[in-house]
Protein backbone atom coordinates (compact mmCIF):
# COMPACT_ATOMS: atom_id res chain seq x y z
CA MET A 1 29.27 64.85 -52.67
CA ILE A 2 31.59 63.45 -55.33
CA SER A 3 32.24 64.40 -58.92
CA ILE A 4 32.22 61.81 -61.71
CA ASP A 5 35.32 61.77 -63.91
CA SER A 6 34.93 63.05 -67.47
CA THR A 7 31.34 64.15 -66.91
CA ARG A 8 29.55 67.23 -65.64
CA TRP A 9 27.79 65.26 -62.94
CA ALA A 10 28.21 65.06 -59.20
CA VAL A 11 26.44 62.68 -56.82
CA GLY A 12 25.33 63.69 -53.34
CA SER A 13 24.27 61.53 -50.43
CA SER A 14 21.19 62.22 -48.33
CA ALA A 15 20.54 60.71 -44.91
CA GLU A 16 17.51 61.08 -42.66
CA GLY A 17 17.65 63.91 -40.17
CA GLY A 18 15.23 66.13 -38.31
CA SER A 19 11.85 66.76 -39.87
CA ALA A 20 13.11 66.99 -43.45
CA LYS A 21 12.33 64.21 -45.93
CA PRO A 22 15.50 62.72 -47.43
CA ALA A 23 16.07 61.42 -50.93
CA PRO A 24 18.09 58.24 -51.55
CA LEU A 25 20.73 60.13 -53.57
CA TYR A 26 20.96 63.32 -55.60
CA PHE A 27 22.41 63.80 -59.07
CA LEU A 28 23.76 67.33 -59.44
CA ASN A 29 24.25 68.82 -62.90
CA LEU A 30 27.23 71.13 -62.44
CA ASP A 31 26.30 73.19 -65.50
CA THR A 32 22.63 73.83 -64.79
CA ARG A 33 23.08 73.63 -60.98
CA GLN A 34 20.00 71.45 -60.75
CA ALA A 35 19.78 68.60 -58.24
CA THR A 36 17.62 65.61 -59.22
CA ALA A 37 16.68 62.98 -56.65
CA LEU A 38 17.19 59.33 -57.54
CA ASP A 39 13.96 57.65 -58.58
CA PRO A 40 14.20 54.21 -56.91
CA ALA A 41 12.03 52.67 -59.63
CA THR A 42 14.71 53.39 -62.25
CA VAL A 43 17.40 51.25 -60.58
CA ALA A 44 18.08 48.08 -62.57
CA LEU A 45 19.37 44.82 -61.06
CA ALA A 46 22.38 42.88 -62.32
CA GLU A 47 24.02 41.30 -59.27
CA ASP A 48 27.66 40.25 -59.66
CA LYS A 49 28.07 37.47 -57.10
CA THR A 50 31.71 36.94 -58.03
CA ALA A 51 32.71 40.54 -57.44
CA TYR A 52 30.59 40.89 -54.27
CA PRO A 53 30.09 37.43 -52.73
CA GLY A 54 27.87 36.83 -49.74
CA CYS A 55 25.46 39.68 -50.40
CA PRO A 56 22.00 38.70 -49.13
CA GLY A 57 20.19 41.13 -51.42
CA HIS A 58 19.92 44.76 -52.37
CA ALA A 59 18.93 47.59 -50.08
CA ASP A 60 15.61 49.39 -50.25
CA PHE A 61 16.55 51.94 -52.89
CA ALA A 62 13.92 54.36 -51.58
CA ASN A 63 15.55 54.27 -48.14
CA LEU A 64 19.29 54.17 -48.74
CA GLN A 65 20.05 56.65 -45.94
CA SER A 66 23.29 57.26 -47.79
CA LEU A 67 26.45 58.57 -46.11
CA GLY A 68 29.89 58.18 -47.69
CA LEU A 69 30.19 57.88 -51.47
CA ASP A 70 32.95 57.06 -53.91
CA TYR A 71 33.31 56.65 -57.66
CA GLU A 72 35.94 54.48 -59.31
CA LYS A 73 36.62 52.65 -62.55
CA VAL A 74 36.50 48.98 -61.51
CA ASN A 75 37.45 46.51 -64.23
CA GLY A 76 36.18 48.90 -66.87
CA ARG A 77 32.90 49.68 -65.11
CA ASP A 78 31.83 53.05 -63.70
CA VAL A 79 31.13 51.98 -60.12
CA LEU A 80 29.40 54.08 -57.47
CA THR A 81 29.99 52.87 -53.91
CA VAL A 82 27.37 53.96 -51.37
CA ILE A 83 27.51 53.61 -47.60
CA SER A 84 23.87 52.80 -46.75
CA HIS A 85 22.31 52.97 -43.28
CA GLY A 86 18.73 52.30 -44.40
CA GLY A 87 17.38 49.00 -43.11
CA GLY A 88 20.78 48.07 -41.67
CA LEU A 89 24.41 49.03 -42.19
CA THR A 90 25.65 47.98 -45.63
CA ILE A 91 27.80 49.10 -48.55
CA GLN A 92 25.85 49.07 -51.81
CA LEU A 93 27.47 48.97 -55.27
CA PHE A 94 26.03 50.37 -58.49
CA GLU A 95 27.22 50.61 -62.06
CA MET A 96 26.57 54.03 -63.56
CA ALA A 97 25.53 54.97 -67.10
CA PHE A 98 25.42 58.50 -68.50
CA THR A 99 23.30 58.20 -71.64
CA GLY A 100 20.05 59.71 -70.37
CA PRO A 101 19.00 63.06 -68.92
CA VAL A 102 20.30 61.93 -65.50
CA PRO A 103 22.74 59.14 -64.64
CA LYS A 104 21.21 55.67 -64.46
CA LEU A 105 22.13 53.15 -61.76
CA THR A 106 22.30 49.38 -61.99
CA TRP A 107 22.71 47.58 -58.68
CA ILE A 108 25.55 45.04 -58.85
CA GLY A 109 26.05 43.91 -55.25
CA CYS A 110 26.65 44.73 -51.63
CA VAL A 111 29.17 44.22 -48.84
CA HIS A 112 28.35 43.93 -45.15
CA PRO A 113 30.57 45.45 -42.43
CA PRO A 114 33.02 43.11 -40.70
CA ASP A 115 30.97 42.95 -37.48
CA ALA A 116 28.29 44.67 -35.41
CA HIS A 117 30.86 47.03 -33.82
CA PHE A 118 31.60 48.65 -37.19
CA TRP A 119 29.63 51.79 -38.21
CA PRO A 120 30.54 52.38 -41.88
CA ASP A 121 30.97 56.05 -42.62
CA ALA A 122 33.24 56.85 -45.59
CA VAL A 123 34.75 54.74 -48.35
CA ALA A 124 37.66 54.80 -50.80
CA THR A 125 37.34 52.31 -53.66
CA LEU A 126 40.25 50.35 -55.13
CA PRO A 127 40.49 49.56 -58.86
CA ASP A 128 40.13 45.81 -58.26
CA GLY A 129 36.78 46.36 -56.54
CA GLY A 130 38.19 46.31 -53.03
CA MET A 131 37.53 49.16 -50.64
CA ILE A 132 38.81 50.94 -47.55
CA VAL A 133 36.03 51.93 -45.14
CA SER A 134 36.07 54.04 -41.99
CA SER A 135 34.04 53.47 -38.82
CA LEU A 136 33.67 56.63 -36.77
CA TYR A 137 32.68 54.80 -33.60
CA ASP A 138 31.37 51.54 -32.14
CA PRO A 139 27.53 51.61 -32.36
CA LEU A 140 27.29 49.04 -29.55
CA ASP A 141 29.33 51.21 -27.16
CA PRO A 142 26.95 53.22 -24.93
CA GLY A 143 29.82 55.57 -24.08
CA TYR A 144 30.79 56.39 -27.65
CA VAL A 145 30.17 60.14 -27.27
CA THR A 146 32.48 60.32 -24.24
CA ALA A 147 35.07 58.25 -26.09
CA LEU A 148 34.99 60.59 -29.06
CA GLU A 149 35.15 63.67 -26.84
CA GLY A 150 38.42 62.34 -25.39
CA GLY A 151 40.10 62.71 -28.78
CA LYS A 152 42.07 59.51 -28.28
CA ALA A 153 42.37 56.46 -30.54
CA TYR A 154 38.85 55.22 -31.22
CA GLY A 155 36.90 53.85 -34.16
CA ARG A 156 38.27 51.65 -36.93
CA LEU A 157 39.55 51.56 -40.48
CA ALA A 158 39.25 48.34 -42.48
CA GLU A 159 40.00 47.04 -45.98
CA TRP A 160 37.82 44.59 -47.91
CA HIS A 161 38.52 42.37 -50.91
CA ALA A 162 36.24 39.78 -52.47
CA LYS A 163 38.67 36.89 -51.94
CA SER A 164 40.12 37.78 -48.54
CA GLY A 165 37.26 39.62 -46.83
CA TRP A 166 37.94 42.25 -44.15
CA THR A 167 41.22 43.27 -42.54
CA ASP A 168 41.55 45.93 -39.84
CA LEU A 169 44.08 48.65 -40.70
CA TYR A 170 46.37 50.60 -38.35
CA PRO A 171 44.56 49.72 -35.10
CA GLY A 172 45.08 52.24 -32.32
CA ALA A 173 46.43 54.92 -34.67
CA LEU A 174 43.31 56.90 -35.59
CA ALA A 175 40.84 58.99 -33.58
CA GLY A 176 37.33 58.86 -35.02
CA PRO A 177 38.17 57.89 -38.63
CA ASN A 178 35.87 59.68 -41.04
CA GLY A 179 36.62 60.82 -44.61
CA VAL A 180 39.07 58.73 -46.67
CA ILE A 181 40.66 59.28 -50.09
CA LEU A 182 43.46 57.64 -52.06
CA SER A 183 46.20 59.10 -54.24
CA ALA A 184 46.08 58.55 -58.00
CA ASP A 185 48.42 55.55 -57.70
CA TYR A 186 46.39 54.17 -54.76
CA GLN A 187 49.53 53.93 -52.60
CA THR A 188 48.87 56.88 -50.28
CA LEU A 189 45.83 57.08 -48.04
CA PHE A 190 44.51 60.24 -46.42
CA VAL A 191 42.20 59.78 -43.42
CA ASP A 192 40.26 62.41 -41.48
CA ASN A 193 40.42 61.96 -37.71
CA TRP A 194 37.11 63.57 -36.76
CA SER A 195 37.48 63.51 -32.98
CA GLY A 196 41.26 63.82 -33.21
CA LYS A 197 40.93 67.02 -35.29
CA ARG A 198 43.66 66.04 -37.72
CA VAL A 199 44.33 64.52 -41.12
CA THR A 200 46.63 61.51 -41.33
CA ARG A 201 48.59 60.61 -44.46
CA ILE A 202 49.57 56.92 -44.66
CA ASP A 203 51.98 55.22 -47.06
CA ARG A 204 50.20 51.93 -47.74
CA ARG A 205 53.48 50.23 -48.70
CA THR A 206 55.37 51.06 -45.52
CA GLY A 207 52.69 52.12 -43.05
CA ARG A 208 54.53 55.37 -42.42
CA MET A 209 52.23 58.11 -41.12
CA SER A 210 52.30 61.92 -41.11
CA THR A 211 49.65 64.17 -39.60
CA VAL A 212 48.45 67.76 -39.68
CA ASP A 213 46.31 69.26 -36.92
CA LEU A 214 43.46 71.40 -38.26
CA GLY A 215 41.84 72.22 -34.91
CA MET A 216 38.37 71.18 -36.07
CA LEU A 217 36.27 68.01 -36.33
CA VAL A 218 37.59 66.97 -39.74
CA ASP A 219 34.73 65.35 -41.62
CA ASN A 220 34.91 65.02 -45.41
CA ILE A 221 37.98 65.03 -47.64
CA ALA A 222 38.30 65.30 -51.42
CA TRP A 223 40.78 66.05 -54.17
CA ASN A 224 40.52 69.33 -56.01
CA THR A 225 39.90 69.30 -59.76
CA ASP A 226 43.48 68.58 -60.88
CA HIS A 227 44.49 66.44 -57.87
CA THR A 228 47.16 68.91 -56.76
CA LYS A 229 45.45 69.85 -53.50
CA ILE A 230 43.17 68.24 -50.93
CA LEU A 231 40.01 69.87 -49.58
CA ALA A 232 39.21 69.03 -45.96
CA GLY A 233 36.07 70.27 -44.26
CA GLY A 234 34.62 69.91 -40.80
CA GLN A 235 32.90 71.43 -37.82
CA THR A 236 34.50 73.97 -35.47
CA ASP A 237 31.92 73.72 -32.67
CA THR A 238 32.03 71.06 -29.96
CA ILE A 239 31.18 67.38 -30.36
CA GLN A 240 28.39 67.84 -27.83
CA ARG A 241 26.79 70.61 -29.92
CA GLY A 242 27.19 68.54 -33.05
CA PHE A 243 25.39 65.54 -31.61
CA ALA A 244 22.68 67.81 -30.18
CA CYS A 245 22.03 68.94 -33.75
CA THR A 246 21.95 65.33 -34.95
CA GLY A 247 19.38 64.40 -32.32
CA SER A 248 17.16 67.43 -32.94
CA GLN A 249 14.22 67.84 -35.31
CA ASN A 250 15.87 70.87 -36.93
CA ILE A 251 16.12 70.84 -40.70
CA ASN A 252 19.10 73.21 -40.55
CA CYS A 253 21.55 73.60 -37.64
CA ASP A 254 23.78 76.57 -36.84
CA ILE A 255 26.94 74.49 -36.34
CA HIS A 256 30.02 76.47 -37.45
CA PHE A 257 32.34 74.87 -39.98
CA ALA A 258 35.48 75.51 -42.00
CA VAL A 259 37.23 74.20 -45.13
CA TYR A 260 40.99 73.92 -45.57
CA GLU A 261 43.18 73.33 -48.60
CA LEU A 262 46.07 70.91 -47.99
CA ASP A 263 49.25 70.20 -49.93
CA PRO A 264 49.35 66.38 -50.21
CA ALA A 265 53.16 66.29 -50.21
CA THR A 266 53.88 68.61 -47.29
CA LEU A 267 50.49 68.79 -45.52
CA ALA A 268 50.87 72.58 -45.46
CA ASN A 269 47.38 74.03 -45.10
CA ARG A 270 45.44 77.14 -46.03
CA LEU A 271 42.06 78.17 -44.63
CA LEU A 272 39.57 78.66 -47.46
CA ILE A 273 36.43 79.52 -45.51
CA GLY A 274 35.26 79.73 -41.92
CA PRO A 275 34.63 79.22 -39.20
CA THR A 276 31.22 80.25 -40.42
CA VAL A 277 27.55 79.50 -40.83
CA LEU A 278 26.30 80.35 -44.31
CA GLY A 279 22.85 81.65 -43.57
CA LYS A 280 20.80 78.58 -42.67
CA MET A 281 23.45 76.16 -43.91
CA GLY A 282 25.52 75.20 -40.90
CA GLY A 283 27.09 71.84 -40.08
CA GLY A 284 29.37 71.96 -43.11
CA THR A 285 31.25 68.77 -43.89
CA GLY A 286 33.38 69.34 -46.98
CA ALA A 287 33.82 70.80 -50.42
CA LEU A 288 33.87 69.87 -54.08
CA GLN A 289 35.72 72.06 -56.57
CA ASP A 290 34.25 72.83 -59.97
CA GLY A 291 36.47 75.28 -61.80
CA ASN A 292 36.37 78.59 -59.93
CA SER A 293 33.62 77.42 -57.58
CA LEU A 294 33.39 75.40 -54.40
CA TRP A 295 30.27 73.39 -53.61
CA LEU A 296 29.87 73.00 -49.83
CA THR A 297 28.00 70.13 -48.18
CA SER A 298 26.39 69.69 -44.77
CA TYR A 299 25.37 66.85 -42.48
CA ARG A 300 22.16 68.66 -41.49
CA SER A 301 20.70 70.99 -44.06
CA ASP A 302 18.13 71.13 -46.84
CA ARG A 303 20.62 72.90 -49.12
CA ILE A 304 24.16 72.96 -50.43
CA ALA A 305 26.14 76.14 -50.97
CA ARG A 306 28.26 77.40 -53.85
CA ILE A 307 30.96 80.04 -53.36
CA PRO A 308 33.86 81.38 -55.44
CA TYR A 309 37.02 79.39 -54.83
CA PRO A 310 39.05 81.59 -52.44
CA ARG A 311 42.37 82.61 -53.99
């Protein structure tokens, strides 16, 4: 779930899982606390072949199977980037408008992963329209669960630009890359190592890396409201239990999770919540701050949670 700058809207992804019926995306009004599912019929089409060359066509908007999301001002446009696993692995791009009762989306293009070994998971958008995308594992590797359980270097991180295409980043340095965010000047990258149970900070100019071990499967990562702290969430149970939940028909899973607050300069950390299961909402992935509240997301639940921001 991501917040949209200068608005009172957040956007949440929704992927298929268990016996619950997913929506393509959700628009969350932070004031009324109402979540409205995207109506696929309202999506307009205005493909920008220059900005996103080589796109064979838009996804099925009713079956986005959305995972990672990002919002960024790209050449003056409010652009929503959506990792889509519906009907194939793609990255779908939309321009957003905020004049109606819910945000309106106009599809402007798509980007395909670099190859069949890349499982796009999370995305950080650059102001020129480029993007940095994580791949948690190799979907063609039958031993991917064992590889992730080893906690060693595995998965990929790659950067895409319209003119140059894809470039792999920092090969062999990350263990199950998951959530990604950029600093306000776009020069510092923060990457969750899901299977490595750590967050890595990378100076994009020098490649210098620093890490902090959080002792959990670090999933989603986000800035707090004023960009002074980072919120990192993830699961505290085993990888095996997590995948058992993914493969089950359960609507909600009792996977314990936690959320930490990180100092971006020092990587000093503070536990905000957990390890816990909030009623039926287990499998927590991350947090979004709205004033004195935290909204908590999950990879397998029919609900999101809201708690007071722990002080």
